[in-house]
Amino acid sequence: MSENSNKNMSEEDGMAIYEEIVNNVDTCKDRLDQLIFDLKKADVSGQFLCSTARFLVAVDRETFEEFLPALIESAIEKDRERRYIGHLLEAIWGADYKECAEELREKDDLFRKVYKRVYATGTFD
């Protein structure tokens, strides 16, 4: 998708972009910035952004680490009802993220942002 086609993107476009990433994960790294840009335009709820972040971490976190901030920060913005971002905590930071929350809060800005959004009345500033 080109930058000019972003004005009229829909949720169906978001699904198509997500599927493009999933189906071509081994060959799309050089296009991932553009695909994520397009996904941010199409995904109104944060669902595909979260799913893409979770998928890329499951495939190879180290390879796709550079793309996670754009996905996660956009998901935080779009998932106002917190239906999807909560799943990022365990998928990205592990099943024991609660036990490591203080350490993660100090060293990982993305973790801090997601945790604060999910647990809005929690102990974090």
N, C-alpha and C. Protein backbone atom coordinates (compact mmCIF):
# COMPACT_ATOMS: atom_id res chain seq x y z
N MET A 1 0.84 -1.18 0.00
CA MET A 1 0.00 0.00 0.00
C MET A 1 0.88 1.23 0.00
N SER A 2 0.48 2.18 -0.73
CA SER A 2 1.29 3.39 -0.80
C SER A 2 0.79 4.40 0.22
N GLU A 3 1.63 5.38 0.47
CA GLU A 3 1.24 6.41 1.44
C GLU A 3 0.00 7.16 0.97
N ASN A 4 -0.21 7.28 -0.33
CA ASN A 4 -1.36 8.01 -0.86
C ASN A 4 -2.67 7.26 -0.62
N SER A 5 -2.60 5.95 -0.44
CA SER A 5 -3.84 5.18 -0.25
C SER A 5 -4.26 5.10 1.21
N ASN A 6 -3.55 5.72 2.11
CA ASN A 6 -3.85 5.60 3.53
C ASN A 6 -5.10 6.35 3.97
N LYS A 7 -5.57 7.29 3.19
CA LYS A 7 -6.69 8.12 3.62
C LYS A 7 -7.97 7.33 3.83
N ASN A 8 -8.21 6.32 3.01
CA ASN A 8 -9.47 5.59 3.07
C ASN A 8 -9.29 4.14 3.49
N MET A 9 -8.38 3.89 4.40
CA MET A 9 -8.13 2.52 4.83
C MET A 9 -9.20 2.07 5.82
N SER A 10 -9.44 0.77 5.84
CA SER A 10 -10.49 0.20 6.69
C SER A 10 -9.91 -0.92 7.55
N GLU A 11 -10.75 -1.45 8.43
CA GLU A 11 -10.36 -2.60 9.25
C GLU A 11 -10.00 -3.79 8.37
N GLU A 12 -10.68 -3.94 7.23
CA GLU A 12 -10.33 -5.02 6.30
C GLU A 12 -8.91 -4.83 5.79
N ASP A 13 -8.52 -3.59 5.56
CA ASP A 13 -7.14 -3.30 5.16
C ASP A 13 -6.18 -3.70 6.27
N GLY A 14 -6.57 -3.44 7.53
CA GLY A 14 -5.74 -3.81 8.66
C GLY A 14 -5.51 -5.31 8.70
N MET A 15 -6.57 -6.07 8.47
CA MET A 15 -6.44 -7.53 8.45
C MET A 15 -5.55 -7.97 7.30
N ALA A 16 -5.71 -7.36 6.14
CA ALA A 16 -4.89 -7.72 4.98
C ALA A 16 -3.41 -7.42 5.23
N ILE A 17 -3.12 -6.31 5.87
CA ILE A 17 -1.74 -5.95 6.18
C ILE A 17 -1.16 -6.93 7.20
N TYR A 18 -1.93 -7.24 8.22
CA TYR A 18 -1.50 -8.23 9.21
C TYR A 18 -1.20 -9.57 8.53
N GLU A 19 -2.08 -10.01 7.67
CA GLU A 19 -1.88 -11.27 6.95
C GLU A 19 -0.64 -11.20 6.06
N GLU A 20 -0.40 -10.06 5.44
CA GLU A 20 0.80 -9.88 4.61
C GLU A 20 2.06 -10.08 5.45
N ILE A 21 2.06 -9.51 6.65
CA ILE A 21 3.22 -9.67 7.54
C ILE A 21 3.37 -11.13 7.96
N VAL A 22 2.29 -11.75 8.39
CA VAL A 22 2.34 -13.14 8.85
C VAL A 22 2.77 -14.08 7.73
N ASN A 23 2.19 -13.91 6.58
CA ASN A 23 2.47 -14.82 5.47
C ASN A 23 3.84 -14.61 4.83
N ASN A 24 4.45 -13.46 5.08
CA ASN A 24 5.73 -13.14 4.45
C ASN A 24 6.78 -12.73 5.47
N VAL A 25 6.67 -13.20 6.68
CA VAL A 25 7.55 -12.75 7.75
C VAL A 25 9.02 -12.98 7.42
N ASP A 26 9.32 -14.01 6.66
CA ASP A 26 10.72 -14.30 6.33
C ASP A 26 11.28 -13.39 5.26
N THR A 27 10.41 -12.70 4.53
CA THR A 27 10.89 -11.88 3.41
C THR A 27 10.46 -10.42 3.45
N CYS A 28 9.71 -10.02 4.47
CA CYS A 28 9.15 -8.66 4.46
C CYS A 28 9.88 -7.67 5.37
N LYS A 29 10.98 -8.06 5.98
CA LYS A 29 11.64 -7.17 6.93
C LYS A 29 12.00 -5.83 6.30
N ASP A 30 12.43 -5.84 5.04
CA ASP A 30 12.80 -4.59 4.38
C ASP A 30 11.59 -3.71 4.07
N ARG A 31 10.39 -4.25 4.15
CA ARG A 31 9.17 -3.47 3.93
C ARG A 31 8.37 -3.24 5.20
N LEU A 32 8.90 -3.72 6.31
CA LEU A 32 8.13 -3.70 7.56
C LEU A 32 7.82 -2.29 8.04
N ASP A 33 8.73 -1.36 7.86
CA ASP A 33 8.42 0.03 8.25
C ASP A 33 7.17 0.55 7.53
N GLN A 34 7.08 0.31 6.24
CA GLN A 34 5.92 0.77 5.47
C GLN A 34 4.67 -0.01 5.85
N LEU A 35 4.80 -1.31 6.04
CA LEU A 35 3.64 -2.11 6.44
C LEU A 35 3.11 -1.66 7.80
N ILE A 36 3.99 -1.37 8.73
CA ILE A 36 3.56 -0.88 10.04
C ILE A 36 2.93 0.50 9.92
N PHE A 37 3.51 1.36 9.09
CA PHE A 37 2.92 2.68 8.85
C PHE A 37 1.49 2.53 8.35
N ASP A 38 1.30 1.65 7.37
CA ASP A 38 -0.04 1.41 6.83
C ASP A 38 -0.96 0.79 7.88
N LEU A 39 -0.44 -0.13 8.66
CA LEU A 39 -1.24 -0.78 9.70
C LEU A 39 -1.71 0.24 10.74
N LYS A 40 -0.85 1.18 11.09
CA LYS A 40 -1.24 2.22 12.05
C LYS A 40 -2.39 3.06 11.50
N LYS A 41 -2.44 3.25 10.21
CA LYS A 41 -3.53 4.02 9.60
C LYS A 41 -4.83 3.22 9.55
N ALA A 42 -4.72 1.91 9.34
CA ALA A 42 -5.91 1.08 9.14
C ALA A 42 -6.52 0.57 10.43
N ASP A 43 -5.72 0.34 11.45
CA ASP A 43 -6.18 -0.30 12.67
C ASP A 43 -6.76 0.75 13.63
N VAL A 44 -8.05 0.75 13.78
CA VAL A 44 -8.69 1.76 14.63
C VAL A 44 -8.78 1.33 16.09
N SER A 45 -8.64 0.02 16.35
CA SER A 45 -8.83 -0.47 17.72
C SER A 45 -7.54 -0.93 18.39
N GLY A 46 -6.47 -1.08 17.63
CA GLY A 46 -5.22 -1.58 18.18
C GLY A 46 -5.08 -3.10 18.10
N GLN A 47 -6.12 -3.77 17.63
CA GLN A 47 -6.12 -5.23 17.57
C GLN A 47 -5.00 -5.77 16.69
N PHE A 48 -4.85 -5.24 15.49
CA PHE A 48 -3.84 -5.77 14.56
C PHE A 48 -2.44 -5.33 14.95
N LEU A 49 -2.33 -4.17 15.56
CA LEU A 49 -1.03 -3.72 16.05
C LEU A 49 -0.53 -4.64 17.16
N CYS A 50 -1.41 -4.96 18.09
CA CYS A 50 -1.04 -5.89 19.18
C CYS A 50 -0.74 -7.27 18.64
N SER A 51 -1.58 -7.75 17.75
CA SER A 51 -1.36 -9.08 17.19
C SER A 51 -0.04 -9.15 16.43
N THR A 52 0.28 -8.10 15.70
CA THR A 52 1.53 -8.07 14.96
C THR A 52 2.72 -8.07 15.91
N ALA A 53 2.66 -7.27 16.96
CA ALA A 53 3.75 -7.25 17.94
C ALA A 53 3.92 -8.62 18.58
N ARG A 54 2.84 -9.24 18.98
CA ARG A 54 2.90 -10.56 19.60
C ARG A 54 3.46 -11.59 18.63
N PHE A 55 3.04 -11.52 17.39
CA PHE A 55 3.51 -12.46 16.38
C PHE A 55 5.01 -12.31 16.13
N LEU A 56 5.47 -11.08 15.96
CA LEU A 56 6.89 -10.86 15.68
C LEU A 56 7.77 -11.30 16.84
N VAL A 57 7.32 -11.08 18.05
CA VAL A 57 8.08 -11.54 19.22
C VAL A 57 8.13 -13.06 19.25
N ALA A 58 7.02 -13.70 18.93
CA ALA A 58 6.97 -15.17 18.93
C ALA A 58 7.88 -15.75 17.84
N VAL A 59 7.96 -15.08 16.71
CA VAL A 59 8.80 -15.58 15.62
C VAL A 59 10.27 -15.40 15.95
N ASP A 60 10.66 -14.17 16.30
CA ASP A 60 12.08 -13.89 16.58
C ASP A 60 12.20 -12.47 17.15
N ARG A 61 12.12 -12.38 18.44
CA ARG A 61 12.14 -11.06 19.09
C ARG A 61 13.37 -10.25 18.71
N GLU A 62 14.53 -10.87 18.72
CA GLU A 62 15.76 -10.14 18.44
C GLU A 62 15.75 -9.54 17.03
N THR A 63 15.30 -10.29 16.06
CA THR A 63 15.26 -9.82 14.68
C THR A 63 14.30 -8.65 14.51
N PHE A 64 13.18 -8.69 15.20
CA PHE A 64 12.14 -7.69 14.99
C PHE A 64 12.04 -6.65 16.11
N GLU A 65 12.97 -6.65 17.02
CA GLU A 65 12.97 -5.74 18.18
C GLU A 65 12.80 -4.27 17.77
N GLU A 66 13.46 -3.86 16.72
CA GLU A 66 13.42 -2.45 16.30
C GLU A 66 12.02 -1.98 15.89
N PHE A 67 11.14 -2.91 15.55
CA PHE A 67 9.80 -2.56 15.09
C PHE A 67 8.77 -2.53 16.22
N LEU A 68 9.13 -3.08 17.36
CA LEU A 68 8.18 -3.18 18.47
C LEU A 68 7.72 -1.83 19.02
N PRO A 69 8.60 -0.85 19.22
CA PRO A 69 8.12 0.42 19.77
C PRO A 69 7.00 1.06 18.94
N ALA A 70 7.14 1.07 17.63
CA ALA A 70 6.09 1.68 16.78
C ALA A 70 4.78 0.94 16.93
N LEU A 71 4.83 -0.38 16.97
CA LEU A 71 3.62 -1.18 17.11
C LEU A 71 2.97 -0.98 18.47
N ILE A 72 3.77 -1.06 19.52
CA ILE A 72 3.23 -1.00 20.88
C ILE A 72 2.73 0.40 21.22
N GLU A 73 3.47 1.42 20.87
CA GLU A 73 3.03 2.78 21.18
C GLU A 73 1.74 3.13 20.43
N SER A 74 1.62 2.69 19.19
CA SER A 74 0.38 2.93 18.45
C SER A 74 -0.77 2.13 19.04
N ALA A 75 -0.49 0.90 19.47
CA ALA A 75 -1.54 0.08 20.09
C ALA A 75 -2.04 0.74 21.37
N ILE A 76 -1.15 1.30 22.16
CA ILE A 76 -1.55 1.99 23.39
C ILE A 76 -2.49 3.14 23.06
N GLU A 77 -2.17 3.90 22.04
CA GLU A 77 -3.01 5.03 21.63
C GLU A 77 -4.38 4.58 21.16
N LYS A 78 -4.42 3.51 20.39
CA LYS A 78 -5.68 3.12 19.74
C LYS A 78 -6.58 2.23 20.60
N ASP A 79 -6.01 1.47 21.49
CA ASP A 79 -6.80 0.53 22.29
C ASP A 79 -7.33 1.23 23.54
N ARG A 80 -8.25 2.14 23.35
CA ARG A 80 -8.81 2.93 24.45
C ARG A 80 -9.55 2.08 25.47
N GLU A 81 -10.13 0.98 25.02
CA GLU A 81 -10.89 0.11 25.93
C GLU A 81 -10.01 -0.95 26.59
N ARG A 82 -8.73 -0.96 26.26
CA ARG A 82 -7.75 -1.90 26.83
C ARG A 82 -8.15 -3.36 26.60
N ARG A 83 -8.68 -3.62 25.41
CA ARG A 83 -9.08 -5.00 25.08
C ARG A 83 -7.92 -5.83 24.57
N TYR A 84 -6.89 -5.20 24.03
CA TYR A 84 -5.82 -5.94 23.38
C TYR A 84 -4.45 -5.73 24.03
N ILE A 85 -4.18 -4.55 24.53
CA ILE A 85 -2.83 -4.27 25.02
C ILE A 85 -2.45 -5.08 26.25
N GLY A 86 -3.42 -5.49 27.03
CA GLY A 86 -3.12 -6.31 28.19
C GLY A 86 -2.45 -7.63 27.82
N HIS A 87 -2.76 -8.14 26.65
CA HIS A 87 -2.15 -9.39 26.18
C HIS A 87 -0.68 -9.21 25.83
N LEU A 88 -0.27 -7.98 25.61
CA LEU A 88 1.14 -7.73 25.29
C LEU A 88 2.05 -8.02 26.47
N LEU A 89 1.57 -7.77 27.66
CA LEU A 89 2.42 -7.91 28.84
C LEU A 89 3.04 -9.31 28.93
N GLU A 90 2.22 -10.32 28.90
CA GLU A 90 2.74 -11.68 29.00
C GLU A 90 3.44 -12.11 27.71
N ALA A 91 2.89 -11.75 26.57
CA ALA A 91 3.46 -12.18 25.29
C ALA A 91 4.85 -11.60 25.06
N ILE A 92 5.07 -10.39 25.49
CA ILE A 92 6.35 -9.73 25.22
C ILE A 92 7.31 -9.80 26.40
N TRP A 93 6.80 -9.67 27.61
CA TRP A 93 7.68 -9.63 28.78
C TRP A 93 7.65 -10.91 29.62
N GLY A 94 6.86 -11.88 29.21
CA GLY A 94 6.88 -13.18 29.86
C GLY A 94 5.78 -13.37 30.89
N ALA A 95 5.51 -14.63 31.18
CA ALA A 95 4.44 -14.99 32.12
C ALA A 95 4.70 -14.45 33.52
N ASP A 96 5.95 -14.19 33.84
CA ASP A 96 6.29 -13.69 35.17
C ASP A 96 6.44 -12.17 35.23
N TYR A 97 5.85 -11.48 34.28
CA TYR A 97 6.02 -10.02 34.23
C TYR A 97 5.58 -9.33 35.53
N LYS A 98 4.58 -9.87 36.19
CA LYS A 98 4.13 -9.23 37.44
C LYS A 98 5.20 -9.32 38.53
N GLU A 99 5.87 -10.47 38.59
CA GLU A 99 6.93 -10.62 39.59
C GLU A 99 8.13 -9.73 39.29
N CYS A 100 8.32 -9.39 38.02
CA CYS A 100 9.46 -8.57 37.59
C CYS A 100 9.05 -7.13 37.30
N ALA A 101 7.83 -6.76 37.66
CA ALA A 101 7.29 -5.46 37.26
C ALA A 101 8.16 -4.28 37.69
N GLU A 102 8.65 -4.28 38.90
CA GLU A 102 9.46 -3.14 39.35
C GLU A 102 10.74 -3.01 38.54
N GLU A 103 11.40 -4.11 38.30
CA GLU A 103 12.63 -4.09 37.50
C GLU A 103 12.34 -3.67 36.06
N LEU A 104 11.29 -4.22 35.48
CA LEU A 104 10.91 -3.86 34.12
C LEU A 104 10.52 -2.39 34.02
N ARG A 105 9.83 -1.90 35.02
CA ARG A 105 9.41 -0.49 35.03
C ARG A 105 10.62 0.42 34.97
N GLU A 106 11.67 0.04 35.68
CA GLU A 106 12.87 0.87 35.73
C GLU A 106 13.68 0.83 34.45
N LYS A 107 13.66 -0.29 33.73
CA LYS A 107 14.55 -0.42 32.58
C LYS A 107 13.85 -0.41 31.23
N ASP A 108 12.53 -0.51 31.18
CA ASP A 108 11.83 -0.66 29.91
C ASP A 108 10.66 0.31 29.82
N ASP A 109 10.85 1.34 29.03
CA ASP A 109 9.83 2.38 28.90
C ASP A 109 8.54 1.84 28.29
N LEU A 110 8.65 0.94 27.32
CA LEU A 110 7.45 0.37 26.72
C LEU A 110 6.65 -0.44 27.74
N PHE A 111 7.34 -1.22 28.53
CA PHE A 111 6.65 -1.97 29.57
C PHE A 111 5.92 -1.02 30.50
N ARG A 112 6.60 0.02 30.93
CA ARG A 112 6.00 0.98 31.86
C ARG A 112 4.73 1.59 31.26
N LYS A 113 4.77 1.93 29.98
CA LYS A 113 3.61 2.54 29.33
C LYS A 113 2.43 1.57 29.24
N VAL A 114 2.71 0.35 28.85
CA VAL A 114 1.64 -0.64 28.73
C VAL A 114 1.07 -0.97 30.10
N TYR A 115 1.93 -1.22 31.06
CA TYR A 115 1.49 -1.58 32.40
C TYR A 115 0.65 -0.48 33.01
N LYS A 116 1.10 0.74 32.86
CA LYS A 116 0.37 1.87 33.41
C LYS A 116 -1.01 1.99 32.76
N ARG A 117 -1.09 1.72 31.47
CA ARG A 117 -2.36 1.82 30.77
C ARG A 117 -3.31 0.69 31.18
N VAL A 118 -2.77 -0.50 31.34
CA VAL A 118 -3.60 -1.65 31.69
C VAL A 118 -4.05 -1.59 33.15
N TYR A 119 -3.10 -1.21 34.01
CA TYR A 119 -3.39 -1.11 35.44
C TYR A 119 -3.38 0.37 35.84
N ALA A 120 -4.32 1.09 35.30
CA ALA A 120 -4.36 2.55 35.45
C ALA A 120 -4.37 3.00 36.90
N THR A 121 -4.88 2.20 37.80
CA THR A 121 -4.92 2.60 39.21
C THR A 121 -3.82 1.93 40.01
N GLY A 122 -2.83 1.38 39.28
CA GLY A 122 -1.73 0.66 39.94
C GLY A 122 -0.76 1.59 40.64
N THR A 123 0.38 1.04 41.00
CA THR A 123 1.34 1.76 41.80
C THR A 123 2.29 2.62 40.98
N PHE A 124 2.21 2.54 39.68
CA PHE A 124 3.14 3.31 38.85
C PHE A 124 2.61 4.72 38.59
N ASP A 125 3.57 5.63 38.45
CA ASP A 125 3.22 7.05 38.20
C ASP A 125 2.67 7.23 36.82
